[in-house]
Amino acid sequence: MTYKELQLALAVFGLEERASLRQIKSRHRELVKRHHPDLGAPAENEEMRRVNAAYRVLLDYLSDYRFSFAEDEFYEQNPDERLRRQYFEDPLWGGGG
């Protein structure tokens, strides 16, 4: 897979540079419902092929992705925890400091 193929897959799904697995799966379901002939859509075989090919590219990328469990990355993914850590101990904000 190339970076260009990954970007095309994101474009087919209409996703930004950051997306969760949940968002990818949800978007796949939406696109399948929209384009699948068994679900009332006009026969759009080529569009279904594009959607499914893009889904395979995204899942392949995610299966080989190395997740970071570094503290900085954790707080990037969980901004509420970053705020809690930042202000929890501060007496000005009601912390137990």
N, C-alpha and C. Protein backbone atom coordinates (compact mmCIF):
# COMPACT_ATOMS: atom_id res chain seq x y z
N MET A 1 0.84 -1.17 0.00
CA MET A 1 0.00 0.00 0.00
C MET A 1 0.89 1.24 0.00
N THR A 2 0.45 2.24 -0.73
CA THR A 2 1.18 3.50 -0.76
C THR A 2 0.39 4.55 0.02
N TYR A 3 1.06 5.66 0.32
CA TYR A 3 0.38 6.74 1.02
C TYR A 3 -0.74 7.31 0.16
N LYS A 4 -0.52 7.35 -1.14
CA LYS A 4 -1.55 7.86 -2.05
C LYS A 4 -2.80 6.98 -2.00
N GLU A 5 -2.62 5.66 -1.95
CA GLU A 5 -3.76 4.74 -1.83
C GLU A 5 -4.51 4.97 -0.53
N LEU A 6 -3.76 5.20 0.56
CA LEU A 6 -4.39 5.49 1.84
C LEU A 6 -5.20 6.78 1.78
N GLN A 7 -4.64 7.80 1.14
CA GLN A 7 -5.35 9.08 1.01
C GLN A 7 -6.60 8.94 0.15
N LEU A 8 -6.53 8.14 -0.91
CA LEU A 8 -7.71 7.89 -1.75
C LEU A 8 -8.80 7.18 -0.97
N ALA A 9 -8.39 6.22 -0.14
CA ALA A 9 -9.37 5.50 0.68
C ALA A 9 -10.05 6.46 1.65
N LEU A 10 -9.29 7.35 2.26
CA LEU A 10 -9.88 8.35 3.16
C LEU A 10 -10.84 9.26 2.40
N ALA A 11 -10.48 9.61 1.17
CA ALA A 11 -11.34 10.48 0.35
C ALA A 11 -12.65 9.77 0.01
N VAL A 12 -12.59 8.49 -0.33
CA VAL A 12 -13.80 7.73 -0.63
C VAL A 12 -14.72 7.73 0.58
N PHE A 13 -14.14 7.61 1.77
CA PHE A 13 -14.93 7.58 2.99
C PHE A 13 -15.28 8.98 3.51
N GLY A 14 -14.64 10.00 2.95
CA GLY A 14 -14.90 11.37 3.40
C GLY A 14 -14.40 11.61 4.81
N LEU A 15 -13.25 11.01 5.15
CA LEU A 15 -12.69 11.15 6.49
C LEU A 15 -11.51 12.10 6.50
N GLU A 16 -11.24 12.67 7.66
CA GLU A 16 -10.09 13.55 7.85
C GLU A 16 -8.85 12.70 8.11
N GLU A 17 -7.74 13.35 8.43
CA GLU A 17 -6.50 12.62 8.70
C GLU A 17 -6.56 11.78 9.96
N ARG A 18 -7.38 12.16 10.92
CA ARG A 18 -7.53 11.38 12.15
C ARG A 18 -8.95 10.82 12.19
N ALA A 19 -9.02 9.51 12.36
CA ALA A 19 -10.32 8.85 12.47
C ALA A 19 -10.15 7.61 13.33
N SER A 20 -11.15 7.31 14.11
CA SER A 20 -11.11 6.11 14.95
C SER A 20 -11.63 4.92 14.15
N LEU A 21 -11.34 3.74 14.64
CA LEU A 21 -11.85 2.53 14.01
C LEU A 21 -13.37 2.55 14.02
N ARG A 22 -13.95 3.06 15.09
CA ARG A 22 -15.41 3.17 15.19
C ARG A 22 -15.96 4.07 14.08
N GLN A 23 -15.29 5.19 13.82
CA GLN A 23 -15.73 6.10 12.76
C GLN A 23 -15.61 5.45 11.39
N ILE A 24 -14.54 4.71 11.17
CA ILE A 24 -14.34 4.03 9.88
C ILE A 24 -15.44 3.00 9.65
N LYS A 25 -15.71 2.19 10.66
CA LYS A 25 -16.74 1.16 10.52
C LYS A 25 -18.12 1.78 10.33
N SER A 26 -18.40 2.84 11.06
CA SER A 26 -19.69 3.51 10.94
C SER A 26 -19.86 4.10 9.54
N ARG A 27 -18.82 4.73 9.05
CA ARG A 27 -18.88 5.33 7.71
C ARG A 27 -19.04 4.24 6.64
N HIS A 28 -18.39 3.10 6.83
CA HIS A 28 -18.53 1.98 5.90
C HIS A 28 -19.98 1.52 5.84
N ARG A 29 -20.60 1.37 7.01
CA ARG A 29 -22.02 0.96 7.05
C ARG A 29 -22.90 1.97 6.32
N GLU A 30 -22.65 3.26 6.53
CA GLU A 30 -23.43 4.30 5.85
C GLU A 30 -23.29 4.19 4.33
N LEU A 31 -22.06 4.03 3.88
CA LEU A 31 -21.82 3.97 2.43
C LEU A 31 -22.41 2.70 1.82
N VAL A 32 -22.33 1.59 2.53
CA VAL A 32 -22.91 0.35 2.02
C VAL A 32 -24.43 0.50 1.91
N LYS A 33 -25.05 1.09 2.92
CA LYS A 33 -26.50 1.29 2.86
C LYS A 33 -26.89 2.20 1.69
N ARG A 34 -26.06 3.18 1.43
CA ARG A 34 -26.35 4.12 0.36
C ARG A 34 -26.20 3.50 -1.03
N HIS A 35 -25.23 2.60 -1.20
CA HIS A 35 -24.89 2.12 -2.53
C HIS A 35 -25.24 0.65 -2.80
N HIS A 36 -25.69 -0.09 -1.81
CA HIS A 36 -25.96 -1.52 -2.02
C HIS A 36 -27.31 -1.72 -2.70
N PRO A 37 -27.36 -2.45 -3.79
CA PRO A 37 -28.62 -2.65 -4.52
C PRO A 37 -29.66 -3.43 -3.72
N ASP A 38 -29.24 -4.30 -2.82
CA ASP A 38 -30.20 -5.06 -2.00
C ASP A 38 -30.90 -4.18 -0.98
N LEU A 39 -30.34 -3.01 -0.72
CA LEU A 39 -30.94 -2.10 0.26
C LEU A 39 -31.68 -0.95 -0.39
N GLY A 40 -32.06 -1.13 -1.64
CA GLY A 40 -32.89 -0.15 -2.31
C GLY A 40 -32.15 0.86 -3.16
N ALA A 41 -30.85 0.82 -3.17
CA ALA A 41 -30.09 1.76 -3.98
C ALA A 41 -30.06 1.27 -5.43
N PRO A 42 -29.95 2.18 -6.37
CA PRO A 42 -29.80 1.73 -7.75
C PRO A 42 -28.51 0.92 -7.89
N ALA A 43 -28.48 0.05 -8.86
CA ALA A 43 -27.31 -0.82 -9.04
C ALA A 43 -26.06 0.00 -9.33
N GLU A 44 -25.22 0.15 -8.33
CA GLU A 44 -23.99 0.92 -8.45
C GLU A 44 -22.82 0.01 -8.09
N ASN A 45 -22.61 -1.00 -8.92
CA ASN A 45 -21.57 -1.98 -8.62
C ASN A 45 -20.20 -1.35 -8.49
N GLU A 46 -19.90 -0.41 -9.37
CA GLU A 46 -18.57 0.21 -9.34
C GLU A 46 -18.36 0.99 -8.04
N GLU A 47 -19.37 1.69 -7.59
CA GLU A 47 -19.26 2.46 -6.34
C GLU A 47 -19.09 1.51 -5.15
N MET A 48 -19.81 0.39 -5.14
CA MET A 48 -19.65 -0.60 -4.07
C MET A 48 -18.23 -1.16 -4.07
N ARG A 49 -17.69 -1.40 -5.24
CA ARG A 49 -16.31 -1.90 -5.33
C ARG A 49 -15.33 -0.87 -4.75
N ARG A 50 -15.54 0.40 -5.07
CA ARG A 50 -14.67 1.46 -4.54
C ARG A 50 -14.75 1.53 -3.02
N VAL A 51 -15.97 1.45 -2.49
CA VAL A 51 -16.17 1.52 -1.03
C VAL A 51 -15.48 0.34 -0.35
N ASN A 52 -15.71 -0.85 -0.87
CA ASN A 52 -15.13 -2.04 -0.25
C ASN A 52 -13.61 -2.07 -0.40
N ALA A 53 -13.08 -1.61 -1.53
CA ALA A 53 -11.63 -1.55 -1.72
C ALA A 53 -11.02 -0.54 -0.74
N ALA A 54 -11.67 0.60 -0.57
CA ALA A 54 -11.18 1.61 0.37
C ALA A 54 -11.21 1.06 1.80
N TYR A 55 -12.25 0.34 2.13
CA TYR A 55 -12.38 -0.25 3.47
C TYR A 55 -11.24 -1.25 3.72
N ARG A 56 -10.93 -2.07 2.72
CA ARG A 56 -9.83 -3.02 2.86
C ARG A 56 -8.50 -2.30 3.06
N VAL A 57 -8.27 -1.22 2.33
CA VAL A 57 -7.03 -0.45 2.48
C VAL A 57 -6.93 0.10 3.89
N LEU A 58 -8.02 0.69 4.38
CA LEU A 58 -8.00 1.27 5.73
C LEU A 58 -7.78 0.19 6.79
N LEU A 59 -8.46 -0.94 6.67
CA LEU A 59 -8.28 -2.01 7.65
C LEU A 59 -6.88 -2.61 7.58
N ASP A 60 -6.33 -2.73 6.38
CA ASP A 60 -4.96 -3.22 6.25
C ASP A 60 -3.98 -2.27 6.93
N TYR A 61 -4.19 -0.99 6.73
CA TYR A 61 -3.32 0.00 7.37
C TYR A 61 -3.41 -0.12 8.89
N LEU A 62 -4.64 -0.23 9.40
CA LEU A 62 -4.81 -0.31 10.84
C LEU A 62 -4.26 -1.59 11.43
N SER A 63 -4.32 -2.68 10.69
CA SER A 63 -3.82 -3.94 11.22
C SER A 63 -2.30 -3.92 11.36
N ASP A 64 -1.61 -3.13 10.56
CA ASP A 64 -0.15 -3.03 10.65
C ASP A 64 0.31 -1.82 11.45
N TYR A 65 -0.62 -1.00 11.91
CA TYR A 65 -0.27 0.21 12.63
C TYR A 65 0.29 -0.14 14.00
N ARG A 66 1.34 0.54 14.38
CA ARG A 66 1.90 0.35 15.72
C ARG A 66 1.36 1.46 16.61
N PHE A 67 0.59 1.05 17.58
CA PHE A 67 -0.04 2.00 18.49
C PHE A 67 0.97 2.49 19.51
N SER A 68 0.85 3.75 19.84
CA SER A 68 1.72 4.34 20.84
C SER A 68 1.00 4.34 22.18
N PHE A 69 1.68 3.84 23.19
CA PHE A 69 1.13 3.87 24.53
C PHE A 69 1.91 4.84 25.41
N ALA A 70 2.58 5.79 24.77
CA ALA A 70 3.32 6.81 25.48
C ALA A 70 2.35 7.75 26.19
N GLU A 71 2.81 8.32 27.28
CA GLU A 71 1.97 9.20 28.08
C GLU A 71 1.48 10.40 27.27
N ASP A 72 2.36 11.01 26.48
CA ASP A 72 1.97 12.17 25.67
C ASP A 72 0.85 11.80 24.70
N GLU A 73 0.98 10.64 24.05
CA GLU A 73 -0.05 10.20 23.11
C GLU A 73 -1.36 9.91 23.83
N PHE A 74 -1.28 9.34 25.04
CA PHE A 74 -2.49 9.08 25.82
C PHE A 74 -3.25 10.37 26.06
N TYR A 75 -2.55 11.41 26.48
CA TYR A 75 -3.22 12.69 26.76
C TYR A 75 -3.69 13.38 25.48
N GLU A 76 -3.03 13.13 24.38
CA GLU A 76 -3.50 13.65 23.10
C GLU A 76 -4.84 13.02 22.73
N GLN A 77 -4.97 11.73 22.98
CA GLN A 77 -6.20 11.01 22.65
C GLN A 77 -7.29 11.22 23.69
N ASN A 78 -6.93 11.63 24.90
CA ASN A 78 -7.88 11.79 26.00
C ASN A 78 -7.73 13.17 26.63
N PRO A 79 -8.22 14.20 25.96
CA PRO A 79 -8.01 15.57 26.46
C PRO A 79 -8.64 15.82 27.83
N ASP A 80 -9.72 15.11 28.17
CA ASP A 80 -10.32 15.29 29.50
C ASP A 80 -9.36 14.87 30.59
N GLU A 81 -8.63 13.80 30.36
CA GLU A 81 -7.65 13.34 31.33
C GLU A 81 -6.49 14.32 31.45
N ARG A 82 -6.14 14.94 30.34
CA ARG A 82 -5.07 15.95 30.38
C ARG A 82 -5.50 17.11 31.28
N LEU A 83 -6.74 17.57 31.13
CA LEU A 83 -7.23 18.65 31.97
C LEU A 83 -7.33 18.23 33.43
N ARG A 84 -7.80 17.01 33.66
CA ARG A 84 -7.91 16.51 35.03
C ARG A 84 -6.52 16.47 35.67
N ARG A 85 -5.53 15.98 34.96
CA ARG A 85 -4.18 15.91 35.49
C ARG A 85 -3.63 17.31 35.75
N GLN A 86 -3.93 18.22 34.85
CA GLN A 86 -3.38 19.57 34.94
C GLN A 86 -3.96 20.33 36.14
N TYR A 87 -5.26 20.13 36.43
CA TYR A 87 -5.91 20.95 37.45
C TYR A 87 -6.30 20.20 38.72
N PHE A 88 -6.16 18.90 38.75
CA PHE A 88 -6.63 18.11 39.88
C PHE A 88 -5.97 18.52 41.19
N GLU A 89 -4.68 18.74 41.17
CA GLU A 89 -3.94 19.06 42.39
C GLU A 89 -3.91 20.56 42.70
N ASP A 90 -4.41 21.38 41.81
CA ASP A 90 -4.33 22.83 41.97
C ASP A 90 -5.41 23.33 42.93
N PRO A 91 -5.04 23.93 44.07
CA PRO A 91 -6.04 24.43 45.03
C PRO A 91 -6.93 25.52 44.44
N LEU A 92 -6.42 26.27 43.48
CA LEU A 92 -7.21 27.32 42.85
C LEU A 92 -8.45 26.73 42.18
N TRP A 93 -8.33 25.51 41.67
CA TRP A 93 -9.42 24.86 40.95
C TRP A 93 -10.15 23.85 41.85
N GLY A 94 -9.94 23.90 43.12
CA GLY A 94 -10.65 23.01 44.04
C GLY A 94 -9.97 21.69 44.27
N GLY A 95 -8.74 21.57 43.84
CA GLY A 95 -8.00 20.33 44.04
C GLY A 95 -7.52 20.18 45.46
N GLY A 96 -7.06 19.01 45.79
CA GLY A 96 -6.65 18.72 47.15
C GLY A 96 -5.26 19.18 47.51
N GLY A 97 -4.56 19.86 46.60
CA GLY A 97 -3.18 20.28 46.77
C GLY A 97 -2.92 20.95 48.02
